[in-house]
Amino acid sequence: MNRRAFLASSAALAAGALGAQERTPVVDGHVHCFAGTADPRFPYHAQAPYRPEAPATPEHLLRLMDEAGVDHAVVVHPEPYQDDHRYLAHCLEVGRGRLKGTVLFFADRPGWEAALKEAAKTLPVVAARVHAYAPDRLPPFGKPELRALWKSAVDLGLAVQIHFEPRYAAGFEPYLDEFRSTVIVDHLGRPLQGTPEEHERVVRWAEKYPHTVMKLSQFAPTTSYPHRDITPIVRRLADAYGADRMVYGGGYDAGATAESYRATRERARALVAHLSPADQAKVLGGTARRLFRL
């Protein structure tokens, strides 16, 4: 090899190594795992609002992550298990550092405080989730119990992850005012489950509450009810919150394949295609890596 060829080859290798070092990881920020109904080790809770029969296991998830090019994922503890986190602990153990989790506790049920502290101490969890989308299962807005849960999560270094229909957004604002630590807004604030006027409040949070982070997940196609195009809504949210405050998630379930899992990520990318490639990479993993310390 002559000197010119050697230098060119060396430069190419160095550039390749630098590119590998600088590659932004892909992070799925919203995964649900289920043991299914056939595994007696992990029964669904007596108050489960739904009970998936088919298993969506962490082993299957990790295989799809490998095949679809996903580096890390956040397992969001689902409602069928309520405040029983045994299956989440199993998933995170199987994940061996590639998976982190969120916990779900209910401020108006006894015992949550000790259980939350134990989970934060023993599990690689990043957030505590609060639901407000069913009239018969709302959190105790305006009561000391919800403030205590929120404060405990903040004190433990966890983000608060809120999942709600837009009509309940106002109920969270006293806590957003008081606690200025990270709050993750699930599923774009569910814009299609409310009126544009109701969801406008969530859009305004981008400026009012700079500690809020928008999750680009559960973006329904126009072929599904309520048959509204999510594209302009996502664009407006992306412009309002910015790539440093947006994470993507979704695409994994019991029937997912590597192709369908990858397609969900590419759909997310297409929804923010007006952003620069660097900002798209933040939405698809860079911001989540920073927030969740991956």
C-alpha atoms as a PDB file:
ATOM      1  CA  MET A   1       0.000   0.000   0.000  1.00  0.00           C
ATOM      2  CA  ASN A   2       1.471   3.412  -0.985  1.00  0.00           C
ATOM      3  CA  ARG A   3       1.452   6.391   1.372  1.00  0.00           C
ATOM      4  CA  ARG A   4      -1.580   8.058  -0.238  1.00  0.00           C
ATOM      5  CA  ALA A   5      -3.675   4.886  -0.038  1.00  0.00           C
ATOM      6  CA  PHE A   6      -2.543   4.306   3.537  1.00  0.00           C
ATOM      7  CA  LEU A   7      -3.551   7.820   4.606  1.00  0.00           C
ATOM      8  CA  ALA A   8      -6.917   7.538   2.868  1.00  0.00           C
ATOM      9  CA  SER A   9      -7.576   4.180   4.498  1.00  0.00           C
ATOM     10  CA  SER A  10      -6.567   5.507   7.919  1.00  0.00           C
ATOM     11  CA  ALA A  11      -8.814   8.542   7.529  1.00  0.00           C
ATOM     12  CA  ALA A  12     -11.753   6.342   6.563  1.00  0.00           C
ATOM     13  CA  LEU A  13     -11.218   4.103   9.571  1.00  0.00           C
ATOM     14  CA  ALA A  14     -10.959   7.100  11.886  1.00  0.00           C
ATOM     15  CA  ALA A  15     -14.123   8.622  10.453  1.00  0.00           C
ATOM     16  CA  GLY A  16     -15.929   5.305  10.845  1.00  0.00           C
ATOM     17  CA  ALA A  17     -14.818   4.996  14.440  1.00  0.00           C
ATOM     18  CA  LEU A  18     -15.891   8.559  15.176  1.00  0.00           C
ATOM     19  CA  GLY A  19     -19.259   7.955  13.541  1.00  0.00           C
ATOM     20  CA  ALA A  20     -19.769   4.830  15.645  1.00  0.00           C
ATOM     21  CA  GLN A  21     -18.910   6.765  18.787  1.00  0.00           C
ATOM     22  CA  GLU A  22     -21.292   9.586  17.901  1.00  0.00           C
ATOM     23  CA  ARG A  23     -24.231   7.421  16.822  1.00  0.00           C
ATOM     24  CA  THR A  24     -27.295   8.395  18.779  1.00  0.00           C
ATOM     25  CA  PRO A  25     -28.936   5.321  20.326  1.00  0.00           C
ATOM     26  CA  VAL A  26     -32.521   4.431  19.506  1.00  0.00           C
ATOM     27  CA  VAL A  27     -34.704   4.335  22.624  1.00  0.00           C
ATOM     28  CA  ASP A  28     -38.302   3.122  22.736  1.00  0.00           C
ATOM     29  CA  GLY A  29     -39.757   5.154  25.578  1.00  0.00           C
ATOM     30  CA  HIS A  30     -43.057   3.288  25.892  1.00  0.00           C
ATOM     31  CA  VAL A  31     -43.335  -0.496  26.074  1.00  0.00           C
ATOM     32  CA  HIS A  32     -45.963  -2.627  27.822  1.00  0.00           C
ATOM     33  CA  CYS A  33     -45.105  -6.224  28.728  1.00  0.00           C
ATOM     34  CA  PHE A  34     -47.593  -8.872  29.849  1.00  0.00           C
ATOM     35  CA  ALA A  35     -47.143 -12.402  31.111  1.00  0.00           C
ATOM     36  CA  GLY A  36     -50.537 -13.325  29.683  1.00  0.00           C
ATOM     37  CA  THR A  37     -53.193 -15.432  31.352  1.00  0.00           C
ATOM     38  CA  ALA A  38     -51.319 -18.746  31.211  1.00  0.00           C
ATOM     39  CA  ASP A  39     -48.458 -17.855  33.594  1.00  0.00           C
ATOM     40  CA  PRO A  40     -49.544 -18.384  37.236  1.00  0.00           C
ATOM     41  CA  ARG A  41     -46.437 -16.615  38.567  1.00  0.00           C
ATOM     42  CA  PHE A  42     -47.706 -13.215  37.474  1.00  0.00           C
ATOM     43  CA  PRO A  43     -51.497 -13.003  37.839  1.00  0.00           C
ATOM     44  CA  TYR A  44     -53.428  -9.919  36.890  1.00  0.00           C
ATOM     45  CA  HIS A  45     -54.761  -7.787  39.708  1.00  0.00           C
ATOM     46  CA  ALA A  46     -58.318  -8.239  40.940  1.00  0.00           C
ATOM     47  CA  GLN A  47     -59.056  -4.650  39.869  1.00  0.00           C
ATOM     48  CA  ALA A  48     -57.464  -4.985  36.423  1.00  0.00           C
ATOM     49  CA  PRO A  49     -59.431  -2.932  33.855  1.00  0.00           C
ATOM     50  CA  TYR A  50     -58.393  -5.354  31.080  1.00  0.00           C
ATOM     51  CA  ARG A  51     -56.553  -8.702  30.901  1.00  0.00           C
ATOM     52  CA  PRO A  52     -54.468  -9.452  27.799  1.00  0.00           C
ATOM     53  CA  GLU A  53     -54.443 -13.179  27.124  1.00  0.00           C
ATOM     54  CA  ALA A  54     -51.407 -13.361  24.865  1.00  0.00           C
ATOM     55  CA  PRO A  55     -47.996 -12.844  26.456  1.00  0.00           C
ATOM     56  CA  ALA A  56     -45.805  -9.921  25.389  1.00  0.00           C
ATOM     57  CA  THR A  57     -42.620 -10.947  27.129  1.00  0.00           C
ATOM     58  CA  PRO A  58     -39.297  -9.178  27.698  1.00  0.00           C
ATOM     59  CA  GLU A  59     -37.523 -12.025  25.885  1.00  0.00           C
ATOM     60  CA  HIS A  60     -39.611 -11.385  22.776  1.00  0.00           C
ATOM     61  CA  LEU A  61     -39.077  -7.647  23.183  1.00  0.00           C
ATOM     62  CA  LEU A  62     -35.290  -7.996  23.323  1.00  0.00           C
ATOM     63  CA  ARG A  63     -35.266 -10.148  20.192  1.00  0.00           C
ATOM     64  CA  LEU A  64     -37.263  -7.538  18.316  1.00  0.00           C
ATOM     65  CA  MET A  65     -35.064  -4.757  19.635  1.00  0.00           C
ATOM     66  CA  ASP A  66     -32.021  -6.553  18.234  1.00  0.00           C
ATOM     67  CA  GLU A  67     -33.692  -7.160  14.878  1.00  0.00           C
ATOM     68  CA  ALA A  68     -35.218  -3.687  14.570  1.00  0.00           C
ATOM     69  CA  GLY A  69     -32.220  -1.703  15.786  1.00  0.00           C
ATOM     70  CA  VAL A  70     -33.529  -0.489  19.151  1.00  0.00           C
ATOM     71  CA  ASP A  71     -30.846  -0.059  21.799  1.00  0.00           C
ATOM     72  CA  HIS A  72     -32.909   0.552  24.944  1.00  0.00           C
ATOM     73  CA  ALA A  73     -36.540   0.574  26.020  1.00  0.00           C
ATOM     74  CA  VAL A  74     -38.620   1.761  28.953  1.00  0.00           C
ATOM     75  CA  VAL A  75     -41.150  -0.789  30.219  1.00  0.00           C
ATOM     76  CA  VAL A  76     -44.201   1.155  31.370  1.00  0.00           C
ATOM     77  CA  HIS A  77     -45.901  -0.851  34.108  1.00  0.00           C
ATOM     78  CA  PRO A  78     -49.445  -1.486  32.803  1.00  0.00           C
ATOM     79  CA  GLU A  79     -52.756  -1.213  34.622  1.00  0.00           C
ATOM     80  CA  PRO A  80     -53.707  -4.927  34.596  1.00  0.00           C
ATOM     81  CA  TYR A  81     -51.091  -5.439  37.337  1.00  0.00           C
ATOM     82  CA  GLN A  82     -52.142  -2.301  39.239  1.00  0.00           C
ATOM     83  CA  ASP A  83     -49.601  -1.753  42.051  1.00  0.00           C
ATOM     84  CA  ASP A  84     -48.162  -5.285  41.910  1.00  0.00           C
ATOM     85  CA  HIS A  85     -44.747  -4.830  40.281  1.00  0.00           C
ATOM     86  CA  ARG A  86     -43.487  -8.417  40.293  1.00  0.00           C
ATOM     87  CA  TYR A  87     -43.715  -8.776  36.527  1.00  0.00           C
ATOM     88  CA  LEU A  88     -42.009  -5.437  35.981  1.00  0.00           C
ATOM     89  CA  ALA A  89     -39.152  -6.611  38.225  1.00  0.00           C
ATOM     90  CA  HIS A  90     -38.935  -9.800  36.141  1.00  0.00           C
ATOM     91  CA  CYS A  91     -38.805  -7.812  32.897  1.00  0.00           C
ATOM     92  CA  LEU A  92     -36.069  -5.515  34.148  1.00  0.00           C
ATOM     93  CA  GLU A  93     -34.010  -8.467  35.367  1.00  0.00           C
ATOM     94  CA  VAL A  94     -34.296 -10.129  31.959  1.00  0.00           C
ATOM     95  CA  GLY A  95     -33.388  -6.818  30.324  1.00  0.00           C
ATOM     96  CA  ARG A  96     -29.918  -6.792  31.906  1.00  0.00           C
ATOM     97  CA  GLY A  97     -29.394  -3.061  31.610  1.00  0.00           C
ATOM     98  CA  ARG A  98     -31.158  -2.519  28.280  1.00  0.00           C
ATOM     99  CA  LEU A  99     -34.536  -2.009  29.918  1.00  0.00           C
ATOM    100  CA  LYS A 100     -35.656   0.521  32.487  1.00  0.00           C
ATOM    101  CA  GLY A 101     -39.139   0.872  33.909  1.00  0.00           C
ATOM    102  CA  THR A 102     -41.875   3.047  35.302  1.00  0.00           C
ATOM    103  CA  VAL A 103     -43.988   2.243  38.341  1.00  0.00           C
ATOM    104  CA  LEU A 104     -47.684   2.705  39.031  1.00  0.00           C
ATOM    105  CA  PHE A 105     -49.009   3.504  42.482  1.00  0.00           C
ATOM    106  CA  PHE A 106     -52.293   4.998  43.616  1.00  0.00           C
ATOM    107  CA  ALA A 107     -52.236   7.907  46.028  1.00  0.00           C
ATOM    108  CA  ASP A 108     -55.571   6.981  47.594  1.00  0.00           C
ATOM    109  CA  ARG A 109     -54.552   3.397  48.440  1.00  0.00           C
ATOM    110  CA  PRO A 110     -52.641   2.555  51.615  1.00  0.00           C
ATOM    111  CA  GLY A 111     -49.060   1.334  51.501  1.00  0.00           C
ATOM    112  CA  TRP A 112     -47.931   3.127  48.369  1.00  0.00           C
ATOM    113  CA  GLU A 113     -45.232   5.211  50.060  1.00  0.00           C
ATOM    114  CA  ALA A 114     -43.138   2.331  51.388  1.00  0.00           C
ATOM    115  CA  ALA A 115     -43.659   0.349  48.178  1.00  0.00           C
ATOM    116  CA  LEU A 116     -42.583   3.282  46.014  1.00  0.00           C
ATOM    117  CA  LYS A 117     -39.430   3.800  48.049  1.00  0.00           C
ATOM    118  CA  GLU A 118     -38.611   0.101  47.817  1.00  0.00           C
ATOM    119  CA  ALA A 119     -39.146   0.040  44.052  1.00  0.00           C
ATOM    120  CA  ALA A 120     -36.958   3.102  43.547  1.00  0.00           C
ATOM    121  CA  LYS A 121     -34.263   1.508  45.694  1.00  0.00           C
ATOM    122  CA  THR A 122     -34.244  -1.967  44.169  1.00  0.00           C
ATOM    123  CA  LEU A 123     -35.323  -1.533  40.527  1.00  0.00           C
ATOM    124  CA  PRO A 124     -33.909   0.514  37.623  1.00  0.00           C
ATOM    125  CA  VAL A 125     -37.013   2.694  37.372  1.00  0.00           C
ATOM    126  CA  VAL A 126     -37.156   6.206  35.955  1.00  0.00           C
ATOM    127  CA  ALA A 127     -40.700   7.453  36.540  1.00  0.00           C
ATOM    128  CA  ALA A 128     -43.906   7.070  38.534  1.00  0.00           C
ATOM    129  CA  ARG A 129     -47.063   7.110  36.431  1.00  0.00           C
ATOM    130  CA  VAL A 130     -50.384   8.809  37.249  1.00  0.00           C
ATOM    131  CA  HIS A 131     -53.567   8.094  35.254  1.00  0.00           C
ATOM    132  CA  ALA A 132     -56.501  10.422  34.659  1.00  0.00           C
ATOM    133  CA  TYR A 133     -58.630   9.207  31.789  1.00  0.00           C
ATOM    134  CA  ALA A 134     -61.540   7.215  33.264  1.00  0.00           C
ATOM    135  CA  PRO A 135     -64.136   9.082  35.355  1.00  0.00           C
ATOM    136  CA  ASP A 136     -64.345   6.244  37.879  1.00  0.00           C
ATOM    137  CA  ARG A 137     -60.536   5.965  38.301  1.00  0.00           C
ATOM    138  CA  LEU A 138     -59.288   9.526  38.615  1.00  0.00           C
ATOM    139  CA  PRO A 139     -56.425  10.443  40.952  1.00  0.00           C
ATOM    140  CA  PRO A 140     -57.380  12.465  44.046  1.00  0.00           C
ATOM    141  CA  PHE A 141     -56.894  15.889  42.457  1.00  0.00           C
ATOM    142  CA  GLY A 142     -56.559  18.701  44.965  1.00  0.00           C
ATOM    143  CA  LYS A 143     -56.077  16.382  47.927  1.00  0.00           C
ATOM    144  CA  PRO A 144     -52.987  15.894  50.089  1.00  0.00           C
ATOM    145  CA  GLU A 145     -52.595  12.277  48.982  1.00  0.00           C
ATOM    146  CA  LEU A 146     -51.742  13.099  45.361  1.00  0.00           C
ATOM    147  CA  ARG A 147     -49.370  15.864  46.382  1.00  0.00           C
ATOM    148  CA  ALA A 148     -47.638  13.429  48.740  1.00  0.00           C
ATOM    149  CA  LEU A 149     -47.172  10.848  45.972  1.00  0.00           C
ATOM    150  CA  TRP A 150     -45.885  13.467  43.540  1.00  0.00           C
ATOM    151  CA  LYS A 151     -43.447  14.860  46.132  1.00  0.00           C
ATOM    152  CA  SER A 152     -42.233  11.385  47.059  1.00  0.00           C
ATOM    153  CA  ALA A 153     -41.490  10.577  43.409  1.00  0.00           C
ATOM    154  CA  VAL A 154     -39.587  13.846  43.008  1.00  0.00           C
ATOM    155  CA  ASP A 155     -37.641  13.289  46.233  1.00  0.00           C
ATOM    156  CA  LEU A 156     -36.644   9.827  44.995  1.00  0.00           C
ATOM    157  CA  GLY A 157     -35.261  11.280  41.768  1.00  0.00           C
ATOM    158  CA  LEU A 158     -38.055   9.946  39.558  1.00  0.00           C
ATOM    159  CA  ALA A 159     -39.893  11.749  36.805  1.00  0.00           C
ATOM    160  CA  VAL A 160     -43.669  11.893  37.044  1.00  0.00           C
ATOM    161  CA  GLN A 161     -45.360  10.396  33.996  1.00  0.00           C
ATOM    162  CA  ILE A 162     -48.932  11.551  33.404  1.00  0.00           C
ATOM    163  CA  HIS A 163     -51.426   9.740  31.198  1.00  0.00           C
ATOM    164  CA  PHE A 164     -54.687  11.615  30.767  1.00  0.00           C
ATOM    165  CA  GLU A 165     -57.454  12.802  28.515  1.00  0.00           C
ATOM    166  CA  PRO A 166     -57.236  16.530  27.768  1.00  0.00           C
ATOM    167  CA  ARG A 167     -60.325  17.348  29.822  1.00  0.00           C
ATOM    168  CA  TYR A 168     -58.358  16.436  32.956  1.00  0.00           C
ATOM    169  CA  ALA A 169     -55.230  18.441  32.119  1.00  0.00           C
ATOM    170  CA  ALA A 170     -56.116  21.317  34.423  1.00  0.00           C
ATOM    171  CA  GLY A 171     -56.089  18.984  37.426  1.00  0.00           C
ATOM    172  CA  PHE A 172     -52.334  18.506  37.047  1.00  0.00           C
ATOM    173  CA  GLU A 173     -51.413  22.168  36.877  1.00  0.00           C
ATOM    174  CA  PRO A 174     -51.098  22.816  40.631  1.00  0.00           C
ATOM    175  CA  TYR A 175     -48.445  20.065  40.772  1.00  0.00           C
ATOM    176  CA  LEU A 176     -46.726  21.329  37.623  1.00  0.00           C
ATOM    177  CA  ASP A 177     -46.599  24.750  39.282  1.00  0.00           C
ATOM    178  CA  GLU A 178     -45.211  23.483  42.570  1.00  0.00           C
ATOM    179  CA  PHE A 179     -42.777  20.779  41.450  1.00  0.00           C
ATOM    180  CA  ARG A 180     -40.373  21.811  38.717  1.00  0.00           C
ATOM    181  CA  SER A 181     -38.795  18.424  38.064  1.00  0.00           C
ATOM    182  CA  THR A 182     -39.305  16.367  34.904  1.00  0.00           C
ATOM    183  CA  VAL A 183     -42.882  15.483  33.936  1.00  0.00           C
ATOM    184  CA  ILE A 184     -43.485  13.210  30.938  1.00  0.00           C
ATOM    185  CA  VAL A 185     -46.753  13.656  29.048  1.00  0.00           C
ATOM    186  CA  ASP A 186     -47.846  10.297  27.646  1.00  0.00           C
ATOM    187  CA  HIS A 187     -49.301   9.762  24.180  1.00  0.00           C
ATOM    188  CA  LEU A 188     -49.103  13.398  23.021  1.00  0.00           C
ATOM    189  CA  GLY A 189     -51.600  14.312  25.728  1.00  0.00           C
ATOM    190  CA  ARG A 190     -54.199  12.182  23.898  1.00  0.00           C
ATOM    191  CA  PRO A 191     -55.311  14.937  21.479  1.00  0.00           C
ATOM    192  CA  LEU A 192     -57.819  12.727  19.693  1.00  0.00           C
ATOM    193  CA  GLN A 193     -59.613  11.904  22.944  1.00  0.00           C
ATOM    194  CA  GLY A 194     -60.572  15.538  23.489  1.00  0.00           C
ATOM    195  CA  THR A 195     -61.547  18.644  21.615  1.00  0.00           C
ATOM    196  CA  PRO A 196     -58.902  20.886  20.021  1.00  0.00           C
ATOM    197  CA  GLU A 197     -59.763  23.499  22.636  1.00  0.00           C
ATOM    198  CA  GLU A 198     -59.160  21.049  25.491  1.00  0.00           C
ATOM    199  CA  HIS A 199     -55.846  19.908  24.019  1.00  0.00           C
ATOM    200  CA  GLU A 200     -54.707  23.478  23.459  1.00  0.00           C
ATOM    201  CA  ARG A 201     -54.016  23.641  27.177  1.00  0.00           C
ATOM    202  CA  VAL A 202     -51.437  20.866  26.778  1.00  0.00           C
ATOM    203  CA  VAL A 203     -49.802  22.713  23.887  1.00  0.00           C
ATOM    204  CA  ARG A 204     -49.464  25.805  26.079  1.00  0.00           C
ATOM    205  CA  TRP A 205     -47.645  23.748  28.712  1.00  0.00           C
ATOM    206  CA  ALA A 206     -44.604  23.803  26.416  1.00  0.00           C
ATOM    207  CA  GLU A 207     -44.019  27.459  27.257  1.00  0.00           C
ATOM    208  CA  LYS A 208     -45.581  27.561  30.712  1.00  0.00           C
ATOM    209  CA  TYR A 209     -43.843  24.475  32.084  1.00  0.00           C
ATOM    210  CA  PRO A 210     -40.353  24.022  30.621  1.00  0.00           C
ATOM    211  CA  HIS A 211     -39.875  20.873  32.704  1.00  0.00           C
ATOM    212  CA  THR A 212     -42.538  18.968  30.731  1.00  0.00           C
ATOM    213  CA  VAL A 213     -41.535  16.421  28.078  1.00  0.00           C
ATOM    214  CA  MET A 214     -43.865  15.247  25.309  1.00  0.00           C
ATOM    215  CA  LYS A 215     -44.027  11.571  24.347  1.00  0.00           C
ATOM    216  CA  LEU A 216     -44.605  10.833  20.667  1.00  0.00           C
ATOM    217  CA  SER A 217     -46.586   7.612  21.033  1.00  0.00           C
ATOM    218  CA  GLN A 218     -49.955   6.081  20.184  1.00  0.00           C
ATOM    219  CA  PHE A 219     -50.388   8.087  16.996  1.00  0.00           C
ATOM    220  CA  ALA A 220     -53.518   6.644  15.423  1.00  0.00           C
ATOM    221  CA  PRO A 221     -53.934   6.535  11.616  1.00  0.00           C
ATOM    222  CA  THR A 222     -56.851   8.339  10.005  1.00  0.00           C
ATOM    223  CA  THR A 223     -58.443   4.946   9.347  1.00  0.00           C
ATOM    224  CA  SER A 224     -59.063   4.611  13.093  1.00  0.00           C
ATOM    225  CA  TYR A 225     -61.604   6.453  15.210  1.00  0.00           C
ATOM    226  CA  PRO A 226     -61.932   9.453  15.486  1.00  0.00           C
ATOM    227  CA  HIS A 227     -60.524   9.652  11.933  1.00  0.00           C
ATOM    228  CA  ARG A 228     -58.533  12.837  12.461  1.00  0.00           C
ATOM    229  CA  ASP A 229     -55.110  13.429  10.991  1.00  0.00           C
ATOM    230  CA  ILE A 230     -52.526  13.472  13.770  1.00  0.00           C
ATOM    231  CA  THR A 231     -49.793  14.941  11.530  1.00  0.00           C
ATOM    232  CA  PRO A 232     -50.459  18.670  12.079  1.00  0.00           C
ATOM    233  CA  ILE A 233     -50.935  18.071  15.804  1.00  0.00           C
ATOM    234  CA  VAL A 234     -47.566  16.338  16.106  1.00  0.00           C
ATOM    235  CA  ARG A 235     -45.879  19.057  14.086  1.00  0.00           C
ATOM    236  CA  ARG A 236     -47.279  21.739  16.351  1.00  0.00           C
ATOM    237  CA  LEU A 237     -46.234  19.853  19.488  1.00  0.00           C
ATOM    238  CA  ALA A 238     -42.758  19.187  18.089  1.00  0.00           C
ATOM    239  CA  ASP A 239     -42.306  22.851  17.286  1.00  0.00           C
ATOM    240  CA  ALA A 240     -43.639  23.910  20.690  1.00  0.00           C
ATOM    241  CA  TYR A 241     -41.692  21.463  22.849  1.00  0.00           C
ATOM    242  CA  GLY A 242     -38.618  21.008  20.674  1.00  0.00           C
ATOM    243  CA  ALA A 243     -36.512  17.915  20.129  1.00  0.00           C
ATOM    244  CA  ASP A 244     -34.849  18.261  23.539  1.00  0.00           C
ATOM    245  CA  ARG A 245     -38.261  17.745  25.142  1.00  0.00           C
ATOM    246  CA  MET A 246     -39.747  14.995  22.985  1.00  0.00           C
ATOM    247  CA  VAL A 247     -39.279  11.219  23.087  1.00  0.00           C
ATOM    248  CA  TYR A 248     -40.812   8.486  20.963  1.00  0.00           C
ATOM    249  CA  GLY A 249     -42.302   5.171  22.026  1.00  0.00           C
ATOM    250  CA  GLY A 250     -44.465   2.314  20.847  1.00  0.00           C
ATOM    251  CA  GLY A 251     -44.871  -0.515  18.394  1.00  0.00           C
ATOM    252  CA  TYR A 252     -44.321  -3.478  20.683  1.00  0.00           C
ATOM    253  CA  ASP A 253     -47.094  -5.933  21.554  1.00  0.00           C
ATOM    254  CA  ALA A 254     -47.698  -9.665  21.549  1.00  0.00           C
ATOM    255  CA  GLY A 255     -48.112  -9.770  17.770  1.00  0.00           C
ATOM    256  CA  ALA A 256     -45.252  -7.441  16.862  1.00  0.00           C
ATOM    257  CA  THR A 257     -42.593  -8.463  14.377  1.00  0.00           C
ATOM    258  CA  ALA A 258     -39.268  -6.834  13.675  1.00  0.00           C
ATOM    259  CA  GLU A 259     -40.807  -5.307  10.561  1.00  0.00           C
ATOM    260  CA  SER A 260     -43.861  -3.873  12.343  1.00  0.00           C
ATOM    261  CA  TYR A 261     -41.747  -2.654  15.258  1.00  0.00           C
ATOM    262  CA  ARG A 262     -39.359  -0.859  12.917  1.00  0.00           C
ATOM    263  CA  ALA A 263     -42.289   0.554  10.934  1.00  0.00           C
ATOM    264  CA  THR A 264     -43.701   2.231  14.037  1.00  0.00           C
ATOM    265  CA  ARG A 265     -40.393   3.984  14.610  1.00  0.00           C
ATOM    266  CA  GLU A 266     -40.251   5.087  10.990  1.00  0.00           C
ATOM    267  CA  ARG A 267     -43.805   6.399  11.278  1.00  0.00           C
ATOM    268  CA  ALA A 268     -42.676   8.435  14.285  1.00  0.00           C
ATOM    269  CA  ARG A 269     -39.729   9.722  12.287  1.00  0.00           C
ATOM    270  CA  ALA A 270     -42.018  10.699   9.411  1.00  0.00           C
ATOM    271  CA  LEU A 271     -44.220  12.691  11.785  1.00  0.00           C
ATOM    272  CA  VAL A 272     -41.222  14.847  12.743  1.00  0.00           C
ATOM    273  CA  ALA A 273     -39.611  14.862   9.300  1.00  0.00           C
ATOM    274  CA  HIS A 274     -39.664  18.667   9.262  1.00  0.00           C
ATOM    275  CA  LEU A 275     -37.006  18.631  12.002  1.00  0.00           C
ATOM    276  CA  SER A 276     -33.318  18.393  11.166  1.00  0.00           C
ATOM    277  CA  PRO A 277     -31.744  14.894  11.090  1.00  0.00           C
ATOM    278  CA  ALA A 278     -29.952  15.708  14.351  1.00  0.00           C
ATOM    279  CA  ASP A 279     -33.215  16.677  16.028  1.00  0.00           C
ATOM    280  CA  GLN A 280     -34.975  13.588  14.657  1.00  0.00           C
ATOM    281  CA  ALA A 281     -32.224  11.509  16.286  1.00  0.00           C
ATOM    282  CA  LYS A 282     -32.903  13.278  19.588  1.00  0.00           C
ATOM    283  CA  VAL A 283     -36.610  12.422  19.401  1.00  0.00           C
ATOM    284  CA  LEU A 284     -35.847   8.788  18.519  1.00  0.00           C
ATOM    285  CA  GLY A 285     -33.334   8.274  21.300  1.00  0.00           C
ATOM    286  CA  GLY A 286     -31.015  11.093  22.241  1.00  0.00           C
ATOM    287  CA  THR A 287     -33.426  12.905  24.534  1.00  0.00           C
ATOM    288  CA  ALA A 288     -34.530   9.673  26.202  1.00  0.00           C
ATOM    289  CA  ARG A 289     -30.905   8.657  26.767  1.00  0.00           C
ATOM    290  CA  ARG A 290     -30.326  11.919  28.633  1.00  0.00           C
ATOM    291  CA  LEU A 291     -33.567  11.906  30.603  1.00  0.00           C
ATOM    292  CA  PHE A 292     -33.456   8.253  31.611  1.00  0.00           C
ATOM    293  CA  ARG A 293     -29.675   8.096  32.125  1.00  0.00           C
ATOM    294  CA  LEU A 294     -29.199   5.262  29.651  1.00  0.00           C
END
